[in-house]
Amino acid sequence: MVSESVYSKANVTVSQAQGSKFRTIQSALDYAVSINRGDGRFIIYIKRGMYRVNVEIRFDLKNIMFLGDGLRYTIITGNRSVARGFTTYSTAIVGKISQFCKMDRTGFLNTPHEVQ
């Protein structure tokens, strides 16, 4: 169980709600790249919802943590496949080419696709 204090330490919050500053995970990661944050942990709190995206965490982004509302509530899913022209590596829902990346209370769903 994650304590409430961890959520309050989040650097940014991703929410699909209207008016949210960060509505996508990628926009939060782009923000983390754009600021001078040093090597400290950067916590991205991803509020409950289904996020249909393939995320690549760049090598220059170190010590990133995704924190969700639970495996059943914060779900990241994607639909890339080799059959659709992607490399095996780029089909990952979250591609981590960074160092020190942590996921907590976040679910991943490999979405089936139709082969054309």
PDB file of N, CA and C in Angstrom:
ATOM      1  N   MET A   1       0.847  -1.187   0.000  1.00  0.00           N
ATOM      2  CA  MET A   1       0.000   0.000   0.000  1.00  0.00           C
ATOM      3  C   MET A   1       0.890   1.246   0.000  1.00  0.00           C
ATOM      4  N   VAL A   2       0.508   2.194  -0.817  1.00  0.00           N
ATOM      5  CA  VAL A   2       1.265   3.438  -0.927  1.00  0.00           C
ATOM      6  C   VAL A   2       0.625   4.476  -0.015  1.00  0.00           C
ATOM      7  N   SER A   3       1.441   5.146   0.771  1.00  0.00           N
ATOM      8  CA  SER A   3       0.894   6.139   1.693  1.00  0.00           C
ATOM      9  C   SER A   3       0.488   7.402   0.941  1.00  0.00           C
ATOM     10  N   GLU A   4      -0.427   8.138   1.502  1.00  0.00           N
ATOM     11  CA  GLU A   4      -0.885   9.386   0.893  1.00  0.00           C
ATOM     12  C   GLU A   4       0.253  10.375   0.712  1.00  0.00           C
ATOM     13  N   SER A   5       1.274  10.309   1.558  1.00  0.00           N
ATOM     14  CA  SER A   5       2.375  11.258   1.479  1.00  0.00           C
ATOM     15  C   SER A   5       3.162  11.107   0.177  1.00  0.00           C
ATOM     16  N   VAL A   6       3.193   9.892  -0.390  1.00  0.00           N
ATOM     17  CA  VAL A   6       3.887   9.699  -1.663  1.00  0.00           C
ATOM     18  C   VAL A   6       3.176  10.488  -2.761  1.00  0.00           C
ATOM     19  N   TYR A   7       1.856  10.470  -2.764  1.00  0.00           N
ATOM     20  CA  TYR A   7       1.096  11.217  -3.768  1.00  0.00           C
ATOM     21  C   TYR A   7       1.362  12.718  -3.649  1.00  0.00           C
ATOM     22  N   SER A   8       1.496  13.199  -2.431  1.00  0.00           N
ATOM     23  CA  SER A   8       1.729  14.638  -2.240  1.00  0.00           C
ATOM     24  C   SER A   8       3.125  15.053  -2.686  1.00  0.00           C
ATOM     25  N   LYS A   9       4.027  14.086  -2.850  1.00  0.00           N
ATOM     26  CA  LYS A   9       5.384  14.397  -3.297  1.00  0.00           C
ATOM     27  C   LYS A   9       5.524  14.374  -4.816  1.00  0.00           C
ATOM     28  N   ALA A  10       4.443  14.091  -5.525  1.00  0.00           N
ATOM     29  CA  ALA A  10       4.494  14.034  -6.990  1.00  0.00           C
ATOM     30  C   ALA A  10       4.890  15.398  -7.559  1.00  0.00           C
ATOM     31  N   ASN A  11       5.766  15.355  -8.542  1.00  0.00           N
ATOM     32  CA  ASN A  11       6.194  16.591  -9.201  1.00  0.00           C
ATOM     33  C   ASN A  11       5.132  17.098 -10.165  1.00  0.00           C
ATOM     34  N   VAL A  12       4.448  16.182 -10.840  1.00  0.00           N
ATOM     35  CA  VAL A  12       3.358  16.539 -11.752  1.00  0.00           C
ATOM     36  C   VAL A  12       2.260  15.497 -11.645  1.00  0.00           C
ATOM     37  N   THR A  13       1.059  15.889 -12.033  1.00  0.00           N
ATOM     38  CA  THR A  13      -0.082  14.985 -12.044  1.00  0.00           C
ATOM     39  C   THR A  13      -0.653  14.932 -13.446  1.00  0.00           C
ATOM     40  N   VAL A  14      -0.840  13.713 -13.941  1.00  0.00           N
ATOM     41  CA  VAL A  14      -1.469  13.502 -15.243  1.00  0.00           C
ATOM     42  C   VAL A  14      -2.921  13.125 -14.988  1.00  0.00           C
ATOM     43  N   SER A  15      -3.824  13.826 -15.645  1.00  0.00           N
ATOM     44  CA  SER A  15      -5.251  13.541 -15.516  1.00  0.00           C
ATOM     45  C   SER A  15      -5.928  13.831 -16.840  1.00  0.00           C
ATOM     46  N   GLN A  16      -6.860  12.982 -17.218  1.00  0.00           N
ATOM     47  CA  GLN A  16      -7.595  13.190 -18.461  1.00  0.00           C
ATOM     48  C   GLN A  16      -8.723  14.199 -18.299  1.00  0.00           C
ATOM     49  N   ALA A  17      -8.899  14.717 -17.106  1.00  0.00           N
ATOM     50  CA  ALA A  17      -9.964  15.675 -16.831  1.00  0.00           C
ATOM     51  C   ALA A  17      -9.737  16.983 -17.596  1.00  0.00           C
ATOM     52  N   GLN A  18     -10.810  17.575 -18.024  1.00  0.00           N
ATOM     53  CA  GLN A  18     -10.751  18.860 -18.725  1.00  0.00           C
ATOM     54  C   GLN A  18     -10.048  19.896 -17.850  1.00  0.00           C
ATOM     55  N   GLY A  19      -9.156  20.653 -18.431  1.00  0.00           N
ATOM     56  CA  GLY A  19      -8.474  21.712 -17.702  1.00  0.00           C
ATOM     57  C   GLY A  19      -7.205  21.284 -16.984  1.00  0.00           C
ATOM     58  N   SER A  20      -6.858  20.012 -17.065  1.00  0.00           N
ATOM     59  CA  SER A  20      -5.632  19.546 -16.418  1.00  0.00           C
ATOM     60  C   SER A  20      -4.415  20.055 -17.181  1.00  0.00           C
ATOM     61  N   LYS A  21      -3.372  20.404 -16.452  1.00  0.00           N
ATOM     62  CA  LYS A  21      -2.154  20.901 -17.087  1.00  0.00           C
ATOM     63  C   LYS A  21      -1.483  19.807 -17.914  1.00  0.00           C
ATOM     64  N   PHE A  22      -1.456  18.580 -17.389  1.00  0.00           N
ATOM     65  CA  PHE A  22      -0.859  17.448 -18.103  1.00  0.00           C
ATOM     66  C   PHE A  22      -1.949  16.413 -18.349  1.00  0.00           C
ATOM     67  N   ARG A  23      -2.414  16.339 -19.589  1.00  0.00           N
ATOM     68  CA  ARG A  23      -3.479  15.393 -19.921  1.00  0.00           C
ATOM     69  C   ARG A  23      -2.930  14.088 -20.490  1.00  0.00           C
ATOM     70  N   THR A  24      -1.625  14.086 -20.816  1.00  0.00           N
ATOM     71  CA  THR A  24      -0.996  12.864 -21.335  1.00  0.00           C
ATOM     72  C   THR A  24       0.287  12.572 -20.550  1.00  0.00           C
ATOM     73  N   ILE A  25       0.657  11.299 -20.540  1.00  0.00           N
ATOM     74  CA  ILE A  25       1.891  10.898 -19.881  1.00  0.00           C
ATOM     75  C   ILE A  25       3.082  11.508 -20.614  1.00  0.00           C
ATOM     76  N   GLN A  26       2.997  11.543 -21.945  1.00  0.00           N
ATOM     77  CA  GLN A  26       4.096  12.079 -22.724  1.00  0.00           C
ATOM     78  C   GLN A  26       4.332  13.553 -22.426  1.00  0.00           C
ATOM     79  N   SER A  27       3.264  14.323 -22.221  1.00  0.00           N
ATOM     80  CA  SER A  27       3.448  15.746 -21.907  1.00  0.00           C
ATOM     81  C   SER A  27       4.156  15.918 -20.565  1.00  0.00           C
ATOM     82  N   ALA A  28       3.888  15.029 -19.609  1.00  0.00           N
ATOM     83  CA  ALA A  28       4.581  15.092 -18.318  1.00  0.00           C
ATOM     84  C   ALA A  28       6.054  14.733 -18.478  1.00  0.00           C
ATOM     85  N   LEU A  29       6.353  13.745 -19.304  1.00  0.00           N
ATOM     86  CA  LEU A  29       7.745  13.378 -19.563  1.00  0.00           C
ATOM     87  C   LEU A  29       8.478  14.490 -20.304  1.00  0.00           C
ATOM     88  N   ASP A  30       7.806  15.110 -21.274  1.00  0.00           N
ATOM     89  CA  ASP A  30       8.407  16.232 -22.001  1.00  0.00           C
ATOM     90  C   ASP A  30       8.728  17.384 -21.051  1.00  0.00           C
ATOM     91  N   TYR A  31       7.842  17.623 -20.097  1.00  0.00           N
ATOM     92  CA  TYR A  31       8.079  18.667 -19.097  1.00  0.00           C
ATOM     93  C   TYR A  31       9.307  18.318 -18.251  1.00  0.00           C
ATOM     94  N   ALA A  32       9.421  17.058 -17.859  1.00  0.00           N
ATOM     95  CA  ALA A  32      10.569  16.628 -17.045  1.00  0.00           C
ATOM     96  C   ALA A  32      11.886  16.855 -17.785  1.00  0.00           C
ATOM     97  N   VAL A  33      11.873  16.698 -19.094  1.00  0.00           N
ATOM     98  CA  VAL A  33      13.071  16.943 -19.901  1.00  0.00           C
ATOM     99  C   VAL A  33      13.379  18.438 -19.960  1.00  0.00           C
ATOM    100  N   SER A  34      12.336  19.254 -20.002  1.00  0.00           N
ATOM    101  CA  SER A  34      12.500  20.695 -20.241  1.00  0.00           C
ATOM    102  C   SER A  34      13.000  21.489 -19.036  1.00  0.00           C
ATOM    103  N   ILE A  35      12.906  20.916 -17.843  1.00  0.00           N
ATOM    104  CA  ILE A  35      13.313  21.665 -16.649  1.00  0.00           C
ATOM    105  C   ILE A  35      14.671  21.176 -16.152  1.00  0.00           C
ATOM    106  N   ASN A  36      15.337  22.008 -15.415  1.00  0.00           N
ATOM    107  CA  ASN A  36      16.615  21.632 -14.807  1.00  0.00           C
ATOM    108  C   ASN A  36      16.308  21.018 -13.450  1.00  0.00           C
ATOM    109  N   ARG A  37      16.184  19.706 -13.403  1.00  0.00           N
ATOM    110  CA  ARG A  37      15.744  19.037 -12.178  1.00  0.00           C
ATOM    111  C   ARG A  37      16.837  18.248 -11.491  1.00  0.00           C
ATOM    112  N   GLY A  38      18.034  18.216 -12.059  1.00  0.00           N
ATOM    113  CA  GLY A  38      19.120  17.464 -11.441  1.00  0.00           C
ATOM    114  C   GLY A  38      18.881  15.970 -11.540  1.00  0.00           C
ATOM    115  N   ASP A  39      19.451  15.213 -10.618  1.00  0.00           N
ATOM    116  CA  ASP A  39      19.333  13.758 -10.649  1.00  0.00           C
ATOM    117  C   ASP A  39      18.324  13.214  -9.647  1.00  0.00           C
ATOM    118  N   GLY A  40      17.577  14.100  -8.987  1.00  0.00           N
ATOM    119  CA  GLY A  40      16.595  13.643  -8.013  1.00  0.00           C
ATOM    120  C   GLY A  40      15.439  12.910  -8.668  1.00  0.00           C
ATOM    121  N   ARG A  41      14.722  12.142  -7.874  1.00  0.00           N
ATOM    122  CA  ARG A  41      13.567  11.405  -8.389  1.00  0.00           C
ATOM    123  C   ARG A  41      12.489  12.377  -8.859  1.00  0.00           C
ATOM    124  N   PHE A  42      11.897  12.072 -10.001  1.00  0.00           N
ATOM    125  CA  PHE A  42      10.809  12.864 -10.566  1.00  0.00           C
ATOM    126  C   PHE A  42       9.581  11.961 -10.585  1.00  0.00           C
ATOM    127  N   ILE A  43       8.587  12.298  -9.761  1.00  0.00           N
ATOM    128  CA  ILE A  43       7.402  11.451  -9.611  1.00  0.00           C
ATOM    129  C   ILE A  43       6.264  11.996 -10.467  1.00  0.00           C
ATOM    130  N   ILE A  44       5.747  11.132 -11.333  1.00  0.00           N
ATOM    131  CA  ILE A  44       4.591  11.462 -12.169  1.00  0.00           C
ATOM    132  C   ILE A  44       3.410  10.665 -11.637  1.00  0.00           C
ATOM    133  N   TYR A  45       2.457  11.362 -11.037  1.00  0.00           N
ATOM    134  CA  TYR A  45       1.241  10.720 -10.524  1.00  0.00           C
ATOM    135  C   TYR A  45       0.236  10.676 -11.662  1.00  0.00           C
ATOM    136  N   ILE A  46      -0.158   9.468 -12.050  1.00  0.00           N
ATOM    137  CA  ILE A  46      -1.098   9.273 -13.152  1.00  0.00           C
ATOM    138  C   ILE A  46      -2.437   8.868 -12.554  1.00  0.00           C
ATOM    139  N   LYS A  47      -3.401   9.773 -12.616  1.00  0.00           N
ATOM    140  CA  LYS A  47      -4.717   9.507 -12.024  1.00  0.00           C
ATOM    141  C   LYS A  47      -5.446   8.406 -12.794  1.00  0.00           C
ATOM    142  N   ARG A  48      -6.417   7.838 -12.120  1.00  0.00           N
ATOM    143  CA  ARG A  48      -7.162   6.722 -12.697  1.00  0.00           C
ATOM    144  C   ARG A  48      -7.677   7.045 -14.087  1.00  0.00           C
ATOM    145  N   GLY A  49      -7.648   6.013 -14.936  1.00  0.00           N
ATOM    146  CA  GLY A  49      -8.115   6.144 -16.307  1.00  0.00           C
ATOM    147  C   GLY A  49      -7.377   5.178 -17.210  1.00  0.00           C
ATOM    148  N   MET A  50      -7.851   5.073 -18.433  1.00  0.00           N
ATOM    149  CA  MET A  50      -7.219   4.238 -19.451  1.00  0.00           C
ATOM    150  C   MET A  50      -6.442   5.175 -20.368  1.00  0.00           C
ATOM    151  N   TYR A  51      -5.141   4.998 -20.420  1.00  0.00           N
ATOM    152  CA  TYR A  51      -4.261   5.837 -21.239  1.00  0.00           C
ATOM    153  C   TYR A  51      -3.786   5.002 -22.415  1.00  0.00           C
ATOM    154  N   ARG A  52      -4.282   5.311 -23.617  1.00  0.00           N
ATOM    155  CA  ARG A  52      -3.920   4.571 -24.828  1.00  0.00           C
ATOM    156  C   ARG A  52      -2.746   5.275 -25.487  1.00  0.00           C
ATOM    157  N   VAL A  53      -1.545   4.758 -25.192  1.00  0.00           N
ATOM    158  CA  VAL A  53      -0.336   5.445 -25.641  1.00  0.00           C
ATOM    159  C   VAL A  53       0.843   4.478 -25.569  1.00  0.00           C
ATOM    160  N   ASN A  54       1.817   4.694 -26.419  1.00  0.00           N
ATOM    161  CA  ASN A  54       3.097   4.003 -26.289  1.00  0.00           C
ATOM    162  C   ASN A  54       4.087   5.063 -25.838  1.00  0.00           C
ATOM    163  N   VAL A  55       4.695   4.854 -24.691  1.00  0.00           N
ATOM    164  CA  VAL A  55       5.557   5.848 -24.072  1.00  0.00           C
ATOM    165  C   VAL A  55       7.009   5.408 -24.179  1.00  0.00           C
ATOM    166  N   GLU A  56       7.880   6.323 -24.572  1.00  0.00           N
ATOM    167  CA  GLU A  56       9.310   6.042 -24.562  1.00  0.00           C
ATOM    168  C   GLU A  56       9.968   6.991 -23.579  1.00  0.00           C
ATOM    169  N   ILE A  57      10.626   6.405 -22.595  1.00  0.00           N
ATOM    170  CA  ILE A  57      11.329   7.204 -21.598  1.00  0.00           C
ATOM    171  C   ILE A  57      12.772   7.339 -22.069  1.00  0.00           C
ATOM    172  N   ARG A  58      13.138   8.526 -22.453  1.00  0.00           N
ATOM    173  CA  ARG A  58      14.443   8.785 -23.062  1.00  0.00           C
ATOM    174  C   ARG A  58      15.584   8.529 -22.100  1.00  0.00           C
ATOM    175  N   PHE A  59      16.771   8.297 -22.681  1.00  0.00           N
ATOM    176  CA  PHE A  59      17.953   7.992 -21.890  1.00  0.00           C
ATOM    177  C   PHE A  59      18.342   9.135 -20.953  1.00  0.00           C
ATOM    178  N   ASP A  60      18.091  10.381 -21.376  1.00  0.00           N
ATOM    179  CA  ASP A  60      18.469  11.510 -20.527  1.00  0.00           C
ATOM    180  C   ASP A  60      17.477  11.762 -19.394  1.00  0.00           C
ATOM    181  N   LEU A  61      16.455  10.957 -19.293  1.00  0.00           N
ATOM    182  CA  LEU A  61      15.501  11.044 -18.186  1.00  0.00           C
ATOM    183  C   LEU A  61      15.821   9.948 -17.180  1.00  0.00           C
ATOM    184  N   LYS A  62      16.494  10.316 -16.136  1.00  0.00           N
ATOM    185  CA  LYS A  62      16.870   9.349 -15.111  1.00  0.00           C
ATOM    186  C   LYS A  62      15.994   9.528 -13.875  1.00  0.00           C
ATOM    187  N   ASN A  63      15.798   8.433 -13.172  1.00  0.00           N
ATOM    188  CA  ASN A  63      15.111   8.471 -11.886  1.00  0.00           C
ATOM    189  C   ASN A  63      13.666   8.947 -12.007  1.00  0.00           C
ATOM    190  N   ILE A  64      12.943   8.365 -12.955  1.00  0.00           N
ATOM    191  CA  ILE A  64      11.526   8.669 -13.179  1.00  0.00           C
ATOM    192  C   ILE A  64      10.677   7.629 -12.449  1.00  0.00           C
ATOM    193  N   MET A  65       9.606   8.077 -11.823  1.00  0.00           N
ATOM    194  CA  MET A  65       8.689   7.152 -11.164  1.00  0.00           C
ATOM    195  C   MET A  65       7.273   7.453 -11.624  1.00  0.00           C
ATOM    196  N   PHE A  66       6.576   6.416 -12.102  1.00  0.00           N
ATOM    197  CA  PHE A  66       5.148   6.511 -12.408  1.00  0.00           C
ATOM    198  C   PHE A  66       4.396   5.989 -11.203  1.00  0.00           C
ATOM    199  N   LEU A  67       3.430   6.741 -10.733  1.00  0.00           N
ATOM    200  CA  LEU A  67       2.616   6.347  -9.591  1.00  0.00           C
ATOM    201  C   LEU A  67       1.154   6.445  -9.996  1.00  0.00           C
ATOM    202  N   GLY A  68       0.447   5.326  -9.956  1.00  0.00           N
ATOM    203  CA  GLY A  68      -0.958   5.309 -10.352  1.00  0.00           C
ATOM    204  C   GLY A  68      -1.885   5.147  -9.164  1.00  0.00           C
ATOM    205  N   ASP A  69      -3.172   5.012  -9.478  1.00  0.00           N
ATOM    206  CA  ASP A  69      -4.196   4.829  -8.445  1.00  0.00           C
ATOM    207  C   ASP A  69      -4.493   3.357  -8.168  1.00  0.00           C
ATOM    208  N   GLY A  70      -3.765   2.461  -8.792  1.00  0.00           N
ATOM    209  CA  GLY A  70      -3.962   1.031  -8.579  1.00  0.00           C
ATOM    210  C   GLY A  70      -3.988   0.297  -9.906  1.00  0.00           C
ATOM    211  N   LEU A  71      -3.666  -0.991  -9.856  1.00  0.00           N
ATOM    212  CA  LEU A  71      -3.570  -1.799 -11.069  1.00  0.00           C
ATOM    213  C   LEU A  71      -4.861  -1.832 -11.882  1.00  0.00           C
ATOM    214  N   ARG A  72      -5.986  -1.764 -11.219  1.00  0.00           N
ATOM    215  CA  ARG A  72      -7.276  -1.804 -11.919  1.00  0.00           C
ATOM    216  C   ARG A  72      -7.777  -0.423 -12.321  1.00  0.00           C
ATOM    217  N   TYR A  73      -7.133   0.616 -11.854  1.00  0.00           N
ATOM    218  CA  TYR A  73      -7.661   1.964 -12.047  1.00  0.00           C
ATOM    219  C   TYR A  73      -6.815   2.842 -12.956  1.00  0.00           C
ATOM    220  N   THR A  74      -5.504   2.698 -12.907  1.00  0.00           N
ATOM    221  CA  THR A  74      -4.614   3.438 -13.800  1.00  0.00           C
ATOM    222  C   THR A  74      -4.015   2.417 -14.749  1.00  0.00           C
ATOM    223  N   ILE A  75      -4.446   2.463 -16.008  1.00  0.00           N
ATOM    224  CA  ILE A  75      -4.039   1.465 -16.991  1.00  0.00           C
ATOM    225  C   ILE A  75      -3.422   2.157 -18.195  1.00  0.00           C
ATOM    226  N   ILE A  76      -2.228   1.695 -18.563  1.00  0.00           N
ATOM    227  CA  ILE A  76      -1.558   2.190 -19.756  1.00  0.00           C
ATOM    228  C   ILE A  76      -1.608   1.066 -20.781  1.00  0.00           C
ATOM    229  N   THR A  77      -2.111   1.370 -21.970  1.00  0.00           N
ATOM    230  CA  THR A  77      -2.253   0.362 -23.006  1.00  0.00           C
ATOM    231  C   THR A  77      -1.801   0.924 -24.348  1.00  0.00           C
ATOM    232  N   GLY A  78      -1.402   0.046 -25.233  1.00  0.00           N
ATOM    233  CA  GLY A  78      -0.985   0.443 -26.573  1.00  0.00           C
ATOM    234  C   GLY A  78      -1.401  -0.632 -27.558  1.00  0.00           C
ATOM    235  N   ASN A  79      -1.260  -0.342 -28.854  1.00  0.00           N
ATOM    236  CA  ASN A  79      -1.698  -1.333 -29.836  1.00  0.00           C
ATOM    237  C   ASN A  79      -0.692  -1.531 -30.971  1.00  0.00           C
ATOM    238  N   ARG A  80       0.566  -1.259 -30.723  1.00  0.00           N
ATOM    239  CA  ARG A  80       1.576  -1.490 -31.756  1.00  0.00           C
ATOM    240  C   ARG A  80       1.898  -2.977 -31.850  1.00  0.00           C
ATOM    241  N   SER A  81       2.221  -3.406 -33.066  1.00  0.00           N
ATOM    242  CA  SER A  81       2.607  -4.799 -33.267  1.00  0.00           C
ATOM    243  C   SER A  81       3.565  -4.892 -34.447  1.00  0.00           C
ATOM    244  N   VAL A  82       4.291  -5.985 -34.496  1.00  0.00           N
ATOM    245  CA  VAL A  82       5.187  -6.241 -35.620  1.00  0.00           C
ATOM    246  C   VAL A  82       4.360  -6.372 -36.899  1.00  0.00           C
ATOM    247  N   ALA A  83       3.177  -6.981 -36.794  1.00  0.00           N
ATOM    248  CA  ALA A  83       2.308  -7.151 -37.961  1.00  0.00           C
ATOM    249  C   ALA A  83       1.868  -5.811 -38.556  1.00  0.00           C
ATOM    250  N   ARG A  84       1.896  -4.770 -37.745  1.00  0.00           N
ATOM    251  CA  ARG A  84       1.503  -3.437 -38.219  1.00  0.00           C
ATOM    252  C   ARG A  84       2.718  -2.602 -38.613  1.00  0.00           C
ATOM    253  N   GLY A  85       3.909  -3.235 -38.687  1.00  0.00           N
ATOM    254  CA  GLY A  85       5.079  -2.551 -39.205  1.00  0.00           C
ATOM    255  C   GLY A  85       6.047  -1.997 -38.172  1.00  0.00           C
ATOM    256  N   PHE A  86       5.837  -2.274 -36.903  1.00  0.00           N
ATOM    257  CA  PHE A  86       6.729  -1.788 -35.863  1.00  0.00           C
ATOM    258  C   PHE A  86       7.785  -2.847 -35.538  1.00  0.00           C
ATOM    259  N   THR A  87       8.940  -2.415 -35.055  1.00  0.00           N
ATOM    260  CA  THR A  87       9.939  -3.371 -34.581  1.00  0.00           C
ATOM    261  C   THR A  87       9.447  -3.960 -33.272  1.00  0.00           C
ATOM    262  N   THR A  88       9.991  -5.111 -32.914  1.00  0.00           N
ATOM    263  CA  THR A  88       9.591  -5.744 -31.659  1.00  0.00           C
ATOM    264  C   THR A  88       9.814  -4.803 -30.480  1.00  0.00           C
ATOM    265  N   TYR A  89      10.971  -4.122 -30.456  1.00  0.00           N
ATOM    266  CA  TYR A  89      11.269  -3.212 -29.352  1.00  0.00           C
ATOM    267  C   TYR A  89      10.243  -2.089 -29.257  1.00  0.00           C
ATOM    268  N   SER A  90       9.862  -1.520 -30.398  1.00  0.00           N
ATOM    269  CA  SER A  90       8.959  -0.366 -30.358  1.00  0.00           C
ATOM    270  C   SER A  90       7.506  -0.739 -30.094  1.00  0.00           C
ATOM    271  N   THR A  91       7.206  -2.038 -29.943  1.00  0.00           N
ATOM    272  CA  THR A  91       5.840  -2.433 -29.589  1.00  0.00           C
ATOM    273  C   THR A  91       5.581  -2.365 -28.087  1.00  0.00           C
ATOM    274  N   ALA A  92       6.620  -2.125 -27.303  1.00  0.00           N
ATOM    275  CA  ALA A  92       6.450  -2.044 -25.842  1.00  0.00           C
ATOM    276  C   ALA A  92       5.515  -0.891 -25.489  1.00  0.00           C
ATOM    277  N   ILE A  93       4.654  -1.119 -24.526  1.00  0.00           N
ATOM    278  CA  ILE A  93       3.750  -0.065 -24.069  1.00  0.00           C
ATOM    279  C   ILE A  93       4.546   1.060 -23.440  1.00  0.00           C
ATOM    280  N   VAL A  94       5.507   0.699 -22.602  1.00  0.00           N
ATOM    281  CA  VAL A  94       6.431   1.677 -22.025  1.00  0.00           C
ATOM    282  C   VAL A  94       7.833   1.192 -22.346  1.00  0.00           C
ATOM    283  N   GLY A  95       8.515   1.927 -23.228  1.00  0.00           N
ATOM    284  CA  GLY A  95       9.882   1.579 -23.594  1.00  0.00           C
ATOM    285  C   GLY A  95      10.842   2.345 -22.709  1.00  0.00           C
ATOM    286  N   LYS A  96      11.579   1.619 -21.903  1.00  0.00           N
ATOM    287  CA  LYS A  96      12.493   2.263 -20.955  1.00  0.00           C
ATOM    288  C   LYS A  96      13.909   2.145 -21.477  1.00  0.00           C
ATOM    289  N   ILE A  97      14.427   3.257 -21.980  1.00  0.00           N
ATOM    290  CA  ILE A  97      15.834   3.288 -22.346  1.00  0.00           C
ATOM    291  C   ILE A  97      16.558   4.210 -21.375  1.00  0.00           C
ATOM    292  N   SER A  98      15.905   4.467 -20.287  1.00  0.00           N
ATOM    293  CA  SER A  98      16.436   5.341 -19.247  1.00  0.00           C
ATOM    294  C   SER A  98      16.992   4.502 -18.104  1.00  0.00           C
ATOM    295  N   GLN A  99      17.663   5.158 -17.178  1.00  0.00           N
ATOM    296  CA  GLN A  99      18.151   4.493 -15.978  1.00  0.00           C
ATOM    297  C   GLN A  99      17.240   4.838 -14.807  1.00  0.00           C
ATOM    298  N   PHE A 100      17.095   3.890 -13.902  1.00  0.00           N
ATOM    299  CA  PHE A 100      16.370   4.105 -12.654  1.00  0.00           C
ATOM    300  C   PHE A 100      14.918   4.539 -12.874  1.00  0.00           C
ATOM    301  N   CYS A 101      14.159   3.717 -13.535  1.00  0.00           N
ATOM    302  CA  CYS A 101      12.742   4.004 -13.758  1.00  0.00           C
ATOM    303  C   CYS A 101      11.935   3.037 -12.906  1.00  0.00           C
ATOM    304  N   LYS A 102      10.889   3.535 -12.244  1.00  0.00           N
ATOM    305  CA  LYS A 102      10.078   2.706 -11.360  1.00  0.00           C
ATOM    306  C   LYS A 102       8.611   2.928 -11.660  1.00  0.00           C
ATOM    307  N   MET A 103       7.830   1.866 -11.622  1.00  0.00           N
ATOM    308  CA  MET A 103       6.384   1.938 -11.793  1.00  0.00           C
ATOM    309  C   MET A 103       5.742   1.406 -10.520  1.00  0.00           C
ATOM    310  N   ASP A 104       4.738   2.091 -10.025  1.00  0.00           N
ATOM    311  CA  ASP A 104       4.061   1.645  -8.817  1.00  0.00           C
ATOM    312  C   ASP A 104       2.568   1.898  -8.953  1.00  0.00           C
ATOM    313  N   ARG A 105       1.770   0.874  -8.657  1.00  0.00           N
ATOM    314  CA  ARG A 105       0.312   0.980  -8.690  1.00  0.00           C
ATOM    315  C   ARG A 105      -0.190   1.414 -10.067  1.00  0.00           C
ATOM    316  N   THR A 106       0.456   0.883 -11.119  1.00  0.00           N
ATOM    317  CA  THR A 106       0.095   1.201 -12.487  1.00  0.00           C
ATOM    318  C   THR A 106      -0.063  -0.101 -13.251  1.00  0.00           C
ATOM    319  N   GLY A 107      -1.191  -0.284 -13.924  1.00  0.00           N
ATOM    320  CA  GLY A 107      -1.426  -1.495 -14.700  1.00  0.00           C
ATOM    321  C   GLY A 107      -1.075  -1.301 -16.157  1.00  0.00           C
ATOM    322  N   PHE A 108      -0.702  -2.403 -16.812  1.00  0.00           N
ATOM    323  CA  PHE A 108      -0.396  -2.383 -18.235  1.00  0.00           C
ATOM    324  C   PHE A 108      -1.268  -3.417 -18.920  1.00  0.00           C
ATOM    325  N   LEU A 109      -1.803  -3.056 -20.069  1.00  0.00           N
ATOM    326  CA  LEU A 109      -2.690  -3.947 -20.800  1.00  0.00           C
ATOM    327  C   LEU A 109      -2.203  -4.037 -22.230  1.00  0.00           C
ATOM    328  N   ASN A 110      -1.851  -5.246 -22.668  1.00  0.00           N
ATOM    329  CA  ASN A 110      -1.431  -5.453 -24.042  1.00  0.00           C
ATOM    330  C   ASN A 110      -2.700  -5.624 -24.880  1.00  0.00           C
ATOM    331  N   THR A 111      -3.031  -4.613 -25.656  1.00  0.00           N
ATOM    332  CA  THR A 111      -4.287  -4.595 -26.401  1.00  0.00           C
ATOM    333  C   THR A 111      -4.192  -5.464 -27.644  1.00  0.00           C
ATOM    334  N   PRO A 112      -5.129  -6.401 -27.818  1.00  0.00           N
ATOM    335  CA  PRO A 112      -5.131  -7.202 -29.037  1.00  0.00           C
ATOM    336  C   PRO A 112      -5.385  -6.311 -30.252  1.00  0.00           C
ATOM    337  N   HIS A 113      -4.897  -6.769 -31.390  1.00  0.00           N
ATOM    338  CA  HIS A 113      -5.069  -5.996 -32.612  1.00  0.00           C
ATOM    339  C   HIS A 113      -5.552  -6.922 -33.723  1.00  0.00           C
ATOM    340  N   GLU A 114      -6.097  -6.312 -34.741  1.00  0.00           N
ATOM    341  CA  GLU A 114      -6.508  -7.077 -35.910  1.00  0.00           C
ATOM    342  C   GLU A 114      -5.389  -7.072 -36.927  1.00  0.00           C
ATOM    343  N   VAL A 115      -5.025  -8.227 -37.443  1.00  0.00           N
ATOM    344  CA  VAL A 115      -4.012  -8.303 -38.476  1.00  0.00           C
ATOM    345  C   VAL A 115      -4.693  -8.016 -39.804  1.00  0.00           C
ATOM    346  N   GLN A 116      -4.180  -7.066 -40.523  1.00  0.00           N
ATOM    347  CA  GLN A 116      -4.784  -6.656 -41.803  1.00  0.00           C
ATOM    348  C   GLN A 116      -4.121  -7.350 -42.964  1.00  0.00           C
TER     349      GLN A 116
END
